[in-house]
């Protein structure tokens, strides 16, 4: 079963109990459940994995000076990407989600650098 955005944080909204409820409901019926993850992230949010700023497994876009979180995103090819993913998905995995998917990679800027 696909649980769109279960447990997703948006601004000050966060429903931590949601993934637990969904996973429990699905597992009682013998159904595996996975969740969705937005791949875009900023340095502040990425700091949850306690990696120094210069080594964060996120893309950098040269010349971008805006205030928006985008266009940085998780660099899945980075050797330390798993540390960030484990920190980000901890609540969902603790809740019993069986997996996750990543979406919106198609809006990665052409200028993004995967370090």
PDB file of N, CA and C in Angstrom:
ATOM      1  N   UNK A   1       0.846  -1.153   0.000  1.00  0.00           N
ATOM      2  CA  UNK A   1       0.000   0.000   0.000  1.00  0.00           C
ATOM      3  C   UNK A   1       0.903   1.231   0.000  1.00  0.00           C
ATOM      4  N   UNK A   2       0.535   2.217  -0.764  1.00  0.00           N
ATOM      5  CA  UNK A   2       1.293   3.459  -0.855  1.00  0.00           C
ATOM      6  C   UNK A   2       0.621   4.516   0.016  1.00  0.00           C
ATOM      7  N   UNK A   3       1.348   5.044   1.005  1.00  0.00           N
ATOM      8  CA  UNK A   3       0.817   6.049   1.924  1.00  0.00           C
ATOM      9  C   UNK A   3       1.382   7.415   1.545  1.00  0.00           C
ATOM     10  N   UNK A   4       0.689   8.118   0.696  1.00  0.00           N
ATOM     11  CA  UNK A   4       1.138   9.424   0.188  1.00  0.00           C
ATOM     12  C   UNK A   4       1.422  10.393   1.332  1.00  0.00           C
ATOM     13  N   UNK A   5       2.691  10.750   1.509  1.00  0.00           N
ATOM     14  CA  UNK A   5       3.075  11.784   2.459  1.00  0.00           C
ATOM     15  C   UNK A   5       2.858  11.466   3.926  1.00  0.00           C
ATOM     16  N   UNK A   6       2.674  10.232   4.283  1.00  0.00           N
ATOM     17  CA  UNK A   6       2.423   9.893   5.691  1.00  0.00           C
ATOM     18  C   UNK A   6       3.571  10.370   6.562  1.00  0.00           C
ATOM     19  N   UNK A   7       3.244  11.174   7.559  1.00  0.00           N
ATOM     20  CA  UNK A   7       4.256  11.678   8.473  1.00  0.00           C
ATOM     21  C   UNK A   7       5.103  12.800   7.913  1.00  0.00           C
ATOM     22  N   UNK A   8       4.689  13.353   6.803  1.00  0.00           N
ATOM     23  CA  UNK A   8       5.471  14.404   6.160  1.00  0.00           C
ATOM     24  C   UNK A   8       5.371  15.706   6.929  1.00  0.00           C
ATOM     25  N   UNK A   9       6.467  16.406   7.052  1.00  0.00           N
ATOM     26  CA  UNK A   9       6.500  17.721   7.699  1.00  0.00           C
ATOM     27  C   UNK A   9       6.256  18.788   6.648  1.00  0.00           C
ATOM     28  N   UNK A  10       5.399  19.730   6.945  1.00  0.00           N
ATOM     29  CA  UNK A  10       5.149  20.860   6.050  1.00  0.00           C
ATOM     30  C   UNK A  10       4.985  22.093   6.912  1.00  0.00           C
ATOM     31  N   UNK A  11       6.009  22.951   6.872  1.00  0.00           N
ATOM     32  CA  UNK A  11       5.988  24.114   7.746  1.00  0.00           C
ATOM     33  C   UNK A  11       5.960  23.671   9.190  1.00  0.00           C
ATOM     34  N   UNK A  12       4.987  24.145   9.938  1.00  0.00           N
ATOM     35  CA  UNK A  12       4.880  23.749  11.342  1.00  0.00           C
ATOM     36  C   UNK A  12       3.934  22.572  11.542  1.00  0.00           C
ATOM     37  N   UNK A  13       3.446  22.014  10.442  1.00  0.00           N
ATOM     38  CA  UNK A  13       2.538  20.857  10.549  1.00  0.00           C
ATOM     39  C   UNK A  13       3.335  19.559  10.488  1.00  0.00           C
ATOM     40  N   UNK A  14       3.094  18.709  11.447  1.00  0.00           N
ATOM     41  CA  UNK A  14       3.748  17.403  11.483  1.00  0.00           C
ATOM     42  C   UNK A  14       2.864  16.467  12.285  1.00  0.00           C
ATOM     43  N   UNK A  15       2.438  15.400  11.658  1.00  0.00           N
ATOM     44  CA  UNK A  15       1.562  14.430  12.310  1.00  0.00           C
ATOM     45  C   UNK A  15       2.348  13.136  12.515  1.00  0.00           C
ATOM     46  N   UNK A  16       3.155  13.110  13.565  1.00  0.00           N
ATOM     47  CA  UNK A  16       4.060  11.983  13.809  1.00  0.00           C
ATOM     48  C   UNK A  16       3.319  10.663  13.986  1.00  0.00           C
ATOM     49  N   UNK A  17       2.090  10.721  14.496  1.00  0.00           N
ATOM     50  CA  UNK A  17       1.348   9.474  14.741  1.00  0.00           C
ATOM     51  C   UNK A  17       0.823   8.834  13.457  1.00  0.00           C
ATOM     52  N   UNK A  18       0.723   9.609  12.406  1.00  0.00           N
ATOM     53  CA  UNK A  18       0.141   9.118  11.151  1.00  0.00           C
ATOM     54  C   UNK A  18       0.805   7.861  10.596  1.00  0.00           C
ATOM     55  N   UNK A  19       2.125   7.835  10.413  1.00  0.00           N
ATOM     56  CA  UNK A  19       2.725   6.617   9.857  1.00  0.00           C
ATOM     57  C   UNK A  19       2.523   5.391  10.739  1.00  0.00           C
ATOM     58  N   UNK A  20       2.480   5.573  12.059  1.00  0.00           N
ATOM     59  CA  UNK A  20       2.235   4.448  12.972  1.00  0.00           C
ATOM     60  C   UNK A  20       0.834   3.875  12.744  1.00  0.00           C
ATOM     61  N   UNK A  21      -0.137   4.759  12.615  1.00  0.00           N
ATOM     62  CA  UNK A  21      -1.520   4.325  12.399  1.00  0.00           C
ATOM     63  C   UNK A  21      -1.668   3.605  11.057  1.00  0.00           C
ATOM     64  N   UNK A  22      -1.064   4.164  10.032  1.00  0.00           N
ATOM     65  CA  UNK A  22      -1.177   3.565   8.703  1.00  0.00           C
ATOM     66  C   UNK A  22      -0.472   2.216   8.650  1.00  0.00           C
ATOM     67  N   UNK A  23       0.762   2.158   9.181  1.00  0.00           N
ATOM     68  CA  UNK A  23       1.504   0.901   9.163  1.00  0.00           C
ATOM     69  C   UNK A  23       0.783  -0.177   9.971  1.00  0.00           C
ATOM     70  N   UNK A  24       0.264   0.190  11.119  1.00  0.00           N
ATOM     71  CA  UNK A  24      -0.465  -0.767  11.948  1.00  0.00           C
ATOM     72  C   UNK A  24      -1.690  -1.299  11.207  1.00  0.00           C
ATOM     73  N   UNK A  25      -2.462  -0.406  10.602  1.00  0.00           N
ATOM     74  CA  UNK A  25      -3.652  -0.794   9.839  1.00  0.00           C
ATOM     75  C   UNK A  25      -3.279  -1.776   8.726  1.00  0.00           C
ATOM     76  N   UNK A  26      -2.245  -1.440   7.967  1.00  0.00           N
ATOM     77  CA  UNK A  26      -1.842  -2.278   6.834  1.00  0.00           C
ATOM     78  C   UNK A  26      -1.298  -3.625   7.294  1.00  0.00           C
ATOM     79  N   UNK A  27      -0.415  -3.610   8.282  1.00  0.00           N
ATOM     80  CA  UNK A  27       0.214  -4.850   8.731  1.00  0.00           C
ATOM     81  C   UNK A  27      -0.787  -5.825   9.341  1.00  0.00           C
ATOM     82  N   UNK A  28      -1.824  -5.323  10.003  1.00  0.00           N
ATOM     83  CA  UNK A  28      -2.872  -6.196  10.542  1.00  0.00           C
ATOM     84  C   UNK A  28      -3.589  -6.950   9.426  1.00  0.00           C
ATOM     85  N   UNK A  29      -3.538  -6.425   8.234  1.00  0.00           N
ATOM     86  CA  UNK A  29      -4.199  -7.038   7.084  1.00  0.00           C
ATOM     87  C   UNK A  29      -3.221  -7.735   6.141  1.00  0.00           C
ATOM     88  N   UNK A  30      -1.956  -7.862   6.598  1.00  0.00           N
ATOM     89  CA  UNK A  30      -0.936  -8.537   5.790  1.00  0.00           C
ATOM     90  C   UNK A  30      -0.472  -7.720   4.598  1.00  0.00           C
ATOM     91  N   UNK A  31      -0.596  -6.413   4.688  1.00  0.00           N
ATOM     92  CA  UNK A  31      -0.230  -5.527   3.576  1.00  0.00           C
ATOM     93  C   UNK A  31       1.053  -4.796   3.928  1.00  0.00           C
ATOM     94  N   UNK A  32       1.990  -4.746   3.003  1.00  0.00           N
ATOM     95  CA  UNK A  32       3.193  -3.943   3.180  1.00  0.00           C
ATOM     96  C   UNK A  32       2.865  -2.509   2.790  1.00  0.00           C
ATOM     97  N   UNK A  33       3.498  -1.571   3.462  1.00  0.00           N
ATOM     98  CA  UNK A  33       3.183  -0.164   3.219  1.00  0.00           C
ATOM     99  C   UNK A  33       4.472   0.630   2.999  1.00  0.00           C
ATOM    100  N   UNK A  34       4.432   1.521   2.024  1.00  0.00           N
ATOM    101  CA  UNK A  34       5.568   2.400   1.824  1.00  0.00           C
ATOM    102  C   UNK A  34       5.090   3.833   1.683  1.00  0.00           C
ATOM    103  N   UNK A  35       6.025   4.733   1.870  1.00  0.00           N
ATOM    104  CA  UNK A  35       5.715   6.146   1.942  1.00  0.00           C
ATOM    105  C   UNK A  35       6.455   6.911   0.849  1.00  0.00           C
ATOM    106  N   UNK A  36       6.204   8.173   0.783  1.00  0.00           N
ATOM    107  CA  UNK A  36       6.759   9.054  -0.224  1.00  0.00           C
ATOM    108  C   UNK A  36       7.733  10.016   0.425  1.00  0.00           C
ATOM    109  N   UNK A  37       8.748  10.409  -0.295  1.00  0.00           N
ATOM    110  CA  UNK A  37       9.729  11.382   0.211  1.00  0.00           C
ATOM    111  C   UNK A  37      10.044  12.393  -0.878  1.00  0.00           C
ATOM    112  N   UNK A  38       9.954  13.658  -0.534  1.00  0.00           N
ATOM    113  CA  UNK A  38      10.342  14.760  -1.409  1.00  0.00           C
ATOM    114  C   UNK A  38      11.862  14.828  -1.388  1.00  0.00           C
ATOM    115  N   UNK A  39      12.513  14.824  -2.530  1.00  0.00           N
ATOM    116  CA  UNK A  39      13.981  14.758  -2.569  1.00  0.00           C
ATOM    117  C   UNK A  39      14.660  16.095  -2.322  1.00  0.00           C
ATOM    118  N   UNK A  40      13.922  17.193  -2.365  1.00  0.00           N
ATOM    119  CA  UNK A  40      14.536  18.504  -2.177  1.00  0.00           C
ATOM    120  C   UNK A  40      14.715  18.810  -0.698  1.00  0.00           C
ATOM    121  N   UNK A  41      15.824  19.441  -0.380  1.00  0.00           N
ATOM    122  CA  UNK A  41      16.174  19.702   1.019  1.00  0.00           C
ATOM    123  C   UNK A  41      17.143  20.884   1.055  1.00  0.00           C
ATOM    124  N   UNK A  42      17.150  21.607   2.144  1.00  0.00           N
ATOM    125  CA  UNK A  42      18.141  22.673   2.285  1.00  0.00           C
ATOM    126  C   UNK A  42      19.189  22.251   3.305  1.00  0.00           C
ATOM    127  N   UNK A  43      20.245  23.064   3.430  1.00  0.00           N
ATOM    128  CA  UNK A  43      21.329  22.705   4.341  1.00  0.00           C
ATOM    129  C   UNK A  43      20.862  22.590   5.790  1.00  0.00           C
ATOM    130  N   UNK A  44      19.953  23.458   6.189  1.00  0.00           N
ATOM    131  CA  UNK A  44      19.468  23.409   7.575  1.00  0.00           C
ATOM    132  C   UNK A  44      18.763  22.088   7.862  1.00  0.00           C
ATOM    133  N   UNK A  45      17.860  21.674   6.971  1.00  0.00           N
ATOM    134  CA  UNK A  45      17.158  20.401   7.165  1.00  0.00           C
ATOM    135  C   UNK A  45      18.112  19.213   7.051  1.00  0.00           C
ATOM    136  N   UNK A  46      19.097  19.324   6.168  1.00  0.00           N
ATOM    137  CA  UNK A  46      20.050  18.235   5.978  1.00  0.00           C
ATOM    138  C   UNK A  46      20.973  18.069   7.172  1.00  0.00           C
ATOM    139  N   UNK A  47      21.072  19.084   8.023  1.00  0.00           N
ATOM    140  CA  UNK A  47      21.976  19.024   9.172  1.00  0.00           C
ATOM    141  C   UNK A  47      21.504  18.027  10.240  1.00  0.00           C
ATOM    142  N   UNK A  48      20.313  17.438  10.083  1.00  0.00           N
ATOM    143  CA  UNK A  48      19.840  16.438  11.053  1.00  0.00           C
ATOM    144  C   UNK A  48      20.760  15.232  11.126  1.00  0.00           C
ATOM    145  N   UNK A  49      21.563  15.014  10.083  1.00  0.00           N
ATOM    146  CA  UNK A  49      22.441  13.849  10.077  1.00  0.00           C
ATOM    147  C   UNK A  49      23.805  14.153  10.697  1.00  0.00           C
ATOM    148  N   UNK A  50      24.008  15.375  11.172  1.00  0.00           N
ATOM    149  CA  UNK A  50      25.217  15.773  11.889  1.00  0.00           C
ATOM    150  C   UNK A  50      26.487  15.603  11.059  1.00  0.00           C
ATOM    151  N   UNK A  51      26.397  15.909   9.797  1.00  0.00           N
ATOM    152  CA  UNK A  51      27.552  15.911   8.901  1.00  0.00           C
ATOM    153  C   UNK A  51      27.939  17.375   8.708  1.00  0.00           C
ATOM    154  N   UNK A  52      29.227  17.665   8.695  1.00  0.00           N
ATOM    155  CA  UNK A  52      29.653  19.057   8.513  1.00  0.00           C
ATOM    156  C   UNK A  52      29.135  19.589   7.179  1.00  0.00           C
ATOM    157  N   UNK A  53      28.832  20.870   7.147  1.00  0.00           N
ATOM    158  CA  UNK A  53      28.179  21.527   6.010  1.00  0.00           C
ATOM    159  C   UNK A  53      28.837  21.179   4.677  1.00  0.00           C
ATOM    160  N   UNK A  54      30.143  21.224   4.626  1.00  0.00           N
ATOM    161  CA  UNK A  54      30.864  20.997   3.366  1.00  0.00           C
ATOM    162  C   UNK A  54      30.723  19.570   2.858  1.00  0.00           C
ATOM    163  N   UNK A  55      30.372  18.625   3.736  1.00  0.00           N
ATOM    164  CA  UNK A  55      30.271  17.222   3.352  1.00  0.00           C
ATOM    165  C   UNK A  55      28.834  16.728   3.245  1.00  0.00           C
ATOM    166  N   UNK A  56      27.867  17.639   3.379  1.00  0.00           N
ATOM    167  CA  UNK A  56      26.464  17.219   3.286  1.00  0.00           C
ATOM    168  C   UNK A  56      26.188  16.584   1.927  1.00  0.00           C
ATOM    169  N   UNK A  57      25.466  15.487   1.911  1.00  0.00           N
ATOM    170  CA  UNK A  57      25.165  14.801   0.654  1.00  0.00           C
ATOM    171  C   UNK A  57      23.996  15.448  -0.094  1.00  0.00           C
ATOM    172  N   UNK A  58      24.165  16.723  -0.424  1.00  0.00           N
ATOM    173  CA  UNK A  58      23.135  17.438  -1.174  1.00  0.00           C
ATOM    174  C   UNK A  58      23.786  18.128  -2.361  1.00  0.00           C
ATOM    175  N   UNK A  59      22.972  18.416  -3.368  1.00  0.00           N
ATOM    176  CA  UNK A  59      23.480  19.108  -4.551  1.00  0.00           C
ATOM    177  C   UNK A  59      23.669  20.583  -4.248  1.00  0.00           C
ATOM    178  N   UNK A  60      24.513  21.204  -5.006  1.00  0.00           N
ATOM    179  CA  UNK A  60      24.700  22.667  -4.939  1.00  0.00           C
ATOM    180  C   UNK A  60      24.474  23.202  -6.347  1.00  0.00           C
ATOM    181  N   UNK A  61      23.832  24.335  -6.457  1.00  0.00           N
ATOM    182  CA  UNK A  61      23.598  24.950  -7.760  1.00  0.00           C
ATOM    183  C   UNK A  61      24.379  26.252  -7.825  1.00  0.00           C
ATOM    184  N   UNK A  62      25.431  26.287  -8.641  1.00  0.00           N
ATOM    185  CA  UNK A  62      26.262  27.496  -8.729  1.00  0.00           C
ATOM    186  C   UNK A  62      25.431  28.722  -9.105  1.00  0.00           C
ATOM    187  N   UNK A  63      25.715  29.818  -8.433  1.00  0.00           N
ATOM    188  CA  UNK A  63      25.048  31.063  -8.758  1.00  0.00           C
ATOM    189  C   UNK A  63      23.691  31.248  -8.112  1.00  0.00           C
ATOM    190  N   UNK A  64      23.191  30.231  -7.434  1.00  0.00           N
ATOM    191  CA  UNK A  64      21.882  30.369  -6.810  1.00  0.00           C
ATOM    192  C   UNK A  64      22.036  31.141  -5.511  1.00  0.00           C
ATOM    193  N   UNK A  65      21.360  32.262  -5.408  1.00  0.00           N
ATOM    194  CA  UNK A  65      21.461  33.081  -4.211  1.00  0.00           C
ATOM    195  C   UNK A  65      20.119  33.346  -3.576  1.00  0.00           C
ATOM    196  N   UNK A  66      19.116  32.610  -3.988  1.00  0.00           N
ATOM    197  CA  UNK A  66      17.768  32.821  -3.470  1.00  0.00           C
ATOM    198  C   UNK A  66      17.585  32.332  -2.050  1.00  0.00           C
ATOM    199  N   UNK A  67      16.444  32.645  -1.495  1.00  0.00           N
ATOM    200  CA  UNK A  67      16.141  32.257  -0.118  1.00  0.00           C
ATOM    201  C   UNK A  67      15.339  30.960  -0.038  1.00  0.00           C
ATOM    202  N   UNK A  68      14.872  30.459  -1.160  1.00  0.00           N
ATOM    203  CA  UNK A  68      14.079  29.221  -1.151  1.00  0.00           C
ATOM    204  C   UNK A  68      14.951  28.023  -0.828  1.00  0.00           C
ATOM    205  N   UNK A  69      14.338  27.005  -0.259  1.00  0.00           N
ATOM    206  CA  UNK A  69      15.048  25.763   0.032  1.00  0.00           C
ATOM    207  C   UNK A  69      15.571  25.123  -1.253  1.00  0.00           C
ATOM    208  N   UNK A  70      14.766  25.189  -2.266  1.00  0.00           N
ATOM    209  CA  UNK A  70      15.166  24.589  -3.526  1.00  0.00           C
ATOM    210  C   UNK A  70      16.234  25.466  -4.143  1.00  0.00           C
ATOM    211  N   UNK A  71      17.112  24.995  -4.946  1.00  0.00           N
ATOM    212  CA  UNK A  71      17.083  23.737  -5.654  1.00  0.00           C
ATOM    213  C   UNK A  71      18.013  22.665  -5.102  1.00  0.00           C
ATOM    214  N   UNK A  72      18.403  22.723  -3.829  1.00  0.00           N
ATOM    215  CA  UNK A  72      19.229  21.650  -3.270  1.00  0.00           C
ATOM    216  C   UNK A  72      18.380  20.400  -3.066  1.00  0.00           C
ATOM    217  N   UNK A  73      19.000  19.272  -3.276  1.00  0.00           N
ATOM    218  CA  UNK A  73      18.309  18.012  -3.047  1.00  0.00           C
ATOM    219  C   UNK A  73      19.315  16.956  -2.634  1.00  0.00           C
ATOM    220  N   UNK A  74      18.816  15.841  -2.183  1.00  0.00           N
ATOM    221  CA  UNK A  74      19.688  14.754  -1.748  1.00  0.00           C
ATOM    222  C   UNK A  74      20.452  14.210  -2.948  1.00  0.00           C
ATOM    223  N   UNK A  75      21.749  14.090  -2.780  1.00  0.00           N
ATOM    224  CA  UNK A  75      22.611  13.510  -3.812  1.00  0.00           C
ATOM    225  C   UNK A  75      22.760  12.026  -3.477  1.00  0.00           C
ATOM    226  N   UNK A  76      21.959  11.194  -4.117  1.00  0.00           N
ATOM    227  CA  UNK A  76      21.937   9.766  -3.802  1.00  0.00           C
ATOM    228  C   UNK A  76      23.223   9.046  -4.208  1.00  0.00           C
ATOM    229  N   UNK A  77      24.070   9.707  -5.001  1.00  0.00           N
ATOM    230  CA  UNK A  77      25.338   9.094  -5.394  1.00  0.00           C
ATOM    231  C   UNK A  77      26.455   9.403  -4.385  1.00  0.00           C
ATOM    232  N   UNK A  78      26.196  10.258  -3.426  1.00  0.00           N
ATOM    233  CA  UNK A  78      27.189  10.667  -2.430  1.00  0.00           C
ATOM    234  C   UNK A  78      27.439   9.516  -1.449  1.00  0.00           C
ATOM    235  N   UNK A  79      28.697   9.278  -1.066  1.00  0.00           N
ATOM    236  CA  UNK A  79      29.000   8.175  -0.153  1.00  0.00           C
ATOM    237  C   UNK A  79      28.319   8.279   1.216  1.00  0.00           C
ATOM    238  N   UNK A  80      27.918   9.490   1.621  1.00  0.00           N
ATOM    239  CA  UNK A  80      27.289   9.646   2.934  1.00  0.00           C
ATOM    240  C   UNK A  80      25.781   9.870   2.836  1.00  0.00           C
ATOM    241  N   UNK A  81      25.219   9.657   1.672  1.00  0.00           N
ATOM    242  CA  UNK A  81      23.783   9.871   1.479  1.00  0.00           C
ATOM    243  C   UNK A  81      22.946   9.001   2.414  1.00  0.00           C
ATOM    244  N   UNK A  82      23.368   7.772   2.673  1.00  0.00           N
ATOM    245  CA  UNK A  82      22.595   6.876   3.521  1.00  0.00           C
ATOM    246  C   UNK A  82      22.440   7.434   4.938  1.00  0.00           C
ATOM    247  N   UNK A  83      23.451   8.134   5.435  1.00  0.00           N
ATOM    248  CA  UNK A  83      23.348   8.739   6.769  1.00  0.00           C
ATOM    249  C   UNK A  83      22.204   9.750   6.811  1.00  0.00           C
ATOM    250  N   UNK A  84      22.111  10.571   5.770  1.00  0.00           N
ATOM    251  CA  UNK A  84      21.041  11.563   5.708  1.00  0.00           C
ATOM    252  C   UNK A  84      19.688  10.881   5.558  1.00  0.00           C
ATOM    253  N   UNK A  85      19.604   9.890   4.699  1.00  0.00           N
ATOM    254  CA  UNK A  85      18.337   9.186   4.483  1.00  0.00           C
ATOM    255  C   UNK A  85      17.869   8.491   5.754  1.00  0.00           C
ATOM    256  N   UNK A  86      18.782   7.849   6.463  1.00  0.00           N
ATOM    257  CA  UNK A  86      18.401   7.170   7.706  1.00  0.00           C
ATOM    258  C   UNK A  86      17.882   8.167   8.739  1.00  0.00           C
ATOM    259  N   UNK A  87      18.504   9.339   8.817  1.00  0.00           N
ATOM    260  CA  UNK A  87      18.046  10.361   9.761  1.00  0.00           C
ATOM    261  C   UNK A  87      16.679  10.910   9.335  1.00  0.00           C
ATOM    262  N   UNK A  88      16.526  11.150   8.046  1.00  0.00           N
ATOM    263  CA  UNK A  88      15.267  11.691   7.535  1.00  0.00           C
ATOM    264  C   UNK A  88      14.109  10.724   7.678  1.00  0.00           C
ATOM    265  N   UNK A  89      14.341   9.479   7.415  1.00  0.00           N
ATOM    266  CA  UNK A  89      13.274   8.484   7.394  1.00  0.00           C
ATOM    267  C   UNK A  89      13.117   7.741   8.717  1.00  0.00           C
ATOM    268  N   UNK A  90      13.877   8.135   9.737  1.00  0.00           N
ATOM    269  CA  UNK A  90      13.850   7.418  11.012  1.00  0.00           C
ATOM    270  C   UNK A  90      12.432   7.256  11.560  1.00  0.00           C
ATOM    271  N   UNK A  91      11.684   8.338  11.633  1.00  0.00           N
ATOM    272  CA  UNK A  91      10.320   8.255  12.178  1.00  0.00           C
ATOM    273  C   UNK A  91       9.469   7.274  11.386  1.00  0.00           C
ATOM    274  N   UNK A  92       9.570   7.313  10.091  1.00  0.00           N
ATOM    275  CA  UNK A  92       8.752   6.418   9.254  1.00  0.00           C
ATOM    276  C   UNK A  92       9.185   4.964   9.404  1.00  0.00           C
ATOM    277  N   UNK A  93      10.475   4.724   9.428  1.00  0.00           N
ATOM    278  CA  UNK A  93      10.953   3.356   9.567  1.00  0.00           C
ATOM    279  C   UNK A  93      10.636   2.824  10.969  1.00  0.00           C
ATOM    280  N   UNK A  94      10.775   3.683  12.000  1.00  0.00           N
ATOM    281  CA  UNK A  94      10.411   3.277  13.357  1.00  0.00           C
ATOM    282  C   UNK A  94       8.923   2.943  13.442  1.00  0.00           C
ATOM    283  N   UNK A  95       8.122   3.629  12.636  1.00  0.00           N
ATOM    284  CA  UNK A  95       6.671   3.405  12.638  1.00  0.00           C
ATOM    285  C   UNK A  95       6.298   2.080  11.978  1.00  0.00           C
ATOM    286  N   UNK A  96       7.219   1.519  11.208  1.00  0.00           N
ATOM    287  CA  UNK A  96       6.943   0.247  10.562  1.00  0.00           C
ATOM    288  C   UNK A  96       6.725   0.323   9.067  1.00  0.00           C
ATOM    289  N   UNK A  97       7.020   1.478   8.462  1.00  0.00           N
ATOM    290  CA  UNK A  97       6.919   1.566   7.005  1.00  0.00           C
ATOM    291  C   UNK A  97       7.898   0.550   6.416  1.00  0.00           C
ATOM    292  N   UNK A  98       7.491  -0.115   5.382  1.00  0.00           N
ATOM    293  CA  UNK A  98       8.324  -1.147   4.773  1.00  0.00           C
ATOM    294  C   UNK A  98       9.264  -0.601   3.708  1.00  0.00           C
ATOM    295  N   UNK A  99       9.062   0.646   3.317  1.00  0.00           N
ATOM    296  CA  UNK A  99       9.923   1.246   2.310  1.00  0.00           C
ATOM    297  C   UNK A  99       9.440   2.642   1.978  1.00  0.00           C
ATOM    298  N   UNK A 100      10.121   3.253   1.047  1.00  0.00           N
ATOM    299  CA  UNK A 100       9.765   4.597   0.633  1.00  0.00           C
ATOM    300  C   UNK A 100      10.141   4.791  -0.820  1.00  0.00           C
ATOM    301  N   UNK A 101       9.614   5.824  -1.401  1.00  0.00           N
ATOM    302  CA  UNK A 101       9.999   6.194  -2.772  1.00  0.00           C
ATOM    303  C   UNK A 101      10.349   7.668  -2.763  1.00  0.00           C
ATOM    304  N   UNK A 102      11.099   8.090  -3.751  1.00  0.00           N
ATOM    305  CA  UNK A 102      11.495   9.483  -3.881  1.00  0.00           C
ATOM    306  C   UNK A 102      10.879  10.031  -5.150  1.00  0.00           C
ATOM    307  N   UNK A 103      10.424  11.265  -5.084  1.00  0.00           N
ATOM    308  CA  UNK A 103       9.747  11.877  -6.220  1.00  0.00           C
ATOM    309  C   UNK A 103      10.351  13.247  -6.528  1.00  0.00           C
ATOM    310  N   UNK A 104      10.029  13.764  -7.658  1.00  0.00           N
ATOM    311  CA  UNK A 104      10.371  15.108  -8.118  1.00  0.00           C
ATOM    312  C   UNK A 104      11.826  15.303  -8.507  1.00  0.00           C
ATOM    313  N   UNK A 105      12.545  14.251  -8.833  1.00  0.00           N
ATOM    314  CA  UNK A 105      13.916  14.427  -9.313  1.00  0.00           C
ATOM    315  C   UNK A 105      13.933  15.117 -10.677  1.00  0.00           C
ATOM    316  N   UNK A 106      12.815  15.098 -11.368  1.00  0.00           N
ATOM    317  CA  UNK A 106      12.789  15.696 -12.706  1.00  0.00           C
ATOM    318  C   UNK A 106      12.934  17.217 -12.694  1.00  0.00           C
ATOM    319  N   UNK A 107      12.826  17.853 -11.537  1.00  0.00           N
ATOM    320  CA  UNK A 107      12.983  19.302 -11.505  1.00  0.00           C
ATOM    321  C   UNK A 107      14.379  19.705 -11.009  1.00  0.00           C
ATOM    322  N   UNK A 108      15.313  18.778 -11.055  1.00  0.00           N
ATOM    323  CA  UNK A 108      16.694  19.086 -10.711  1.00  0.00           C
ATOM    324  C   UNK A 108      17.243  20.070 -11.741  1.00  0.00           C
ATOM    325  N   UNK A 109      17.791  21.201 -11.294  1.00  0.00           N
ATOM    326  CA  UNK A 109      18.345  22.163 -12.254  1.00  0.00           C
ATOM    327  C   UNK A 109      19.504  21.567 -13.051  1.00  0.00           C
ATOM    328  N   UNK A 110      19.626  21.939 -14.296  1.00  0.00           N
ATOM    329  CA  UNK A 110      20.723  21.467 -15.129  1.00  0.00           C
ATOM    330  C   UNK A 110      22.073  21.840 -14.528  1.00  0.00           C
ATOM    331  N   UNK A 111      22.122  22.937 -13.778  1.00  0.00           N
ATOM    332  CA  UNK A 111      23.372  23.428 -13.220  1.00  0.00           C
ATOM    333  C   UNK A 111      23.743  22.774 -11.903  1.00  0.00           C
ATOM    334  N   UNK A 112      22.895  21.934 -11.359  1.00  0.00           N
ATOM    335  CA  UNK A 112      23.167  21.314 -10.054  1.00  0.00           C
ATOM    336  C   UNK A 112      24.442  20.489 -10.102  1.00  0.00           C
ATOM    337  N   UNK A 113      25.233  20.612  -9.052  1.00  0.00           N
ATOM    338  CA  UNK A 113      26.465  19.849  -8.943  1.00  0.00           C
ATOM    339  C   UNK A 113      26.287  18.709  -7.959  1.00  0.00           C
ATOM    340  N   UNK A 114      26.564  17.508  -8.413  1.00  0.00           N
ATOM    341  CA  UNK A 114      26.535  16.333  -7.549  1.00  0.00           C
ATOM    342  C   UNK A 114      27.983  16.098  -7.132  1.00  0.00           C
ATOM    343  N   UNK A 115      28.293  16.380  -5.864  1.00  0.00           N
ATOM    344  CA  UNK A 115      29.689  16.352  -5.411  1.00  0.00           C
ATOM    345  C   UNK A 115      30.129  14.994  -4.959  1.00  0.00           C
TER     346      UNK A 115
END
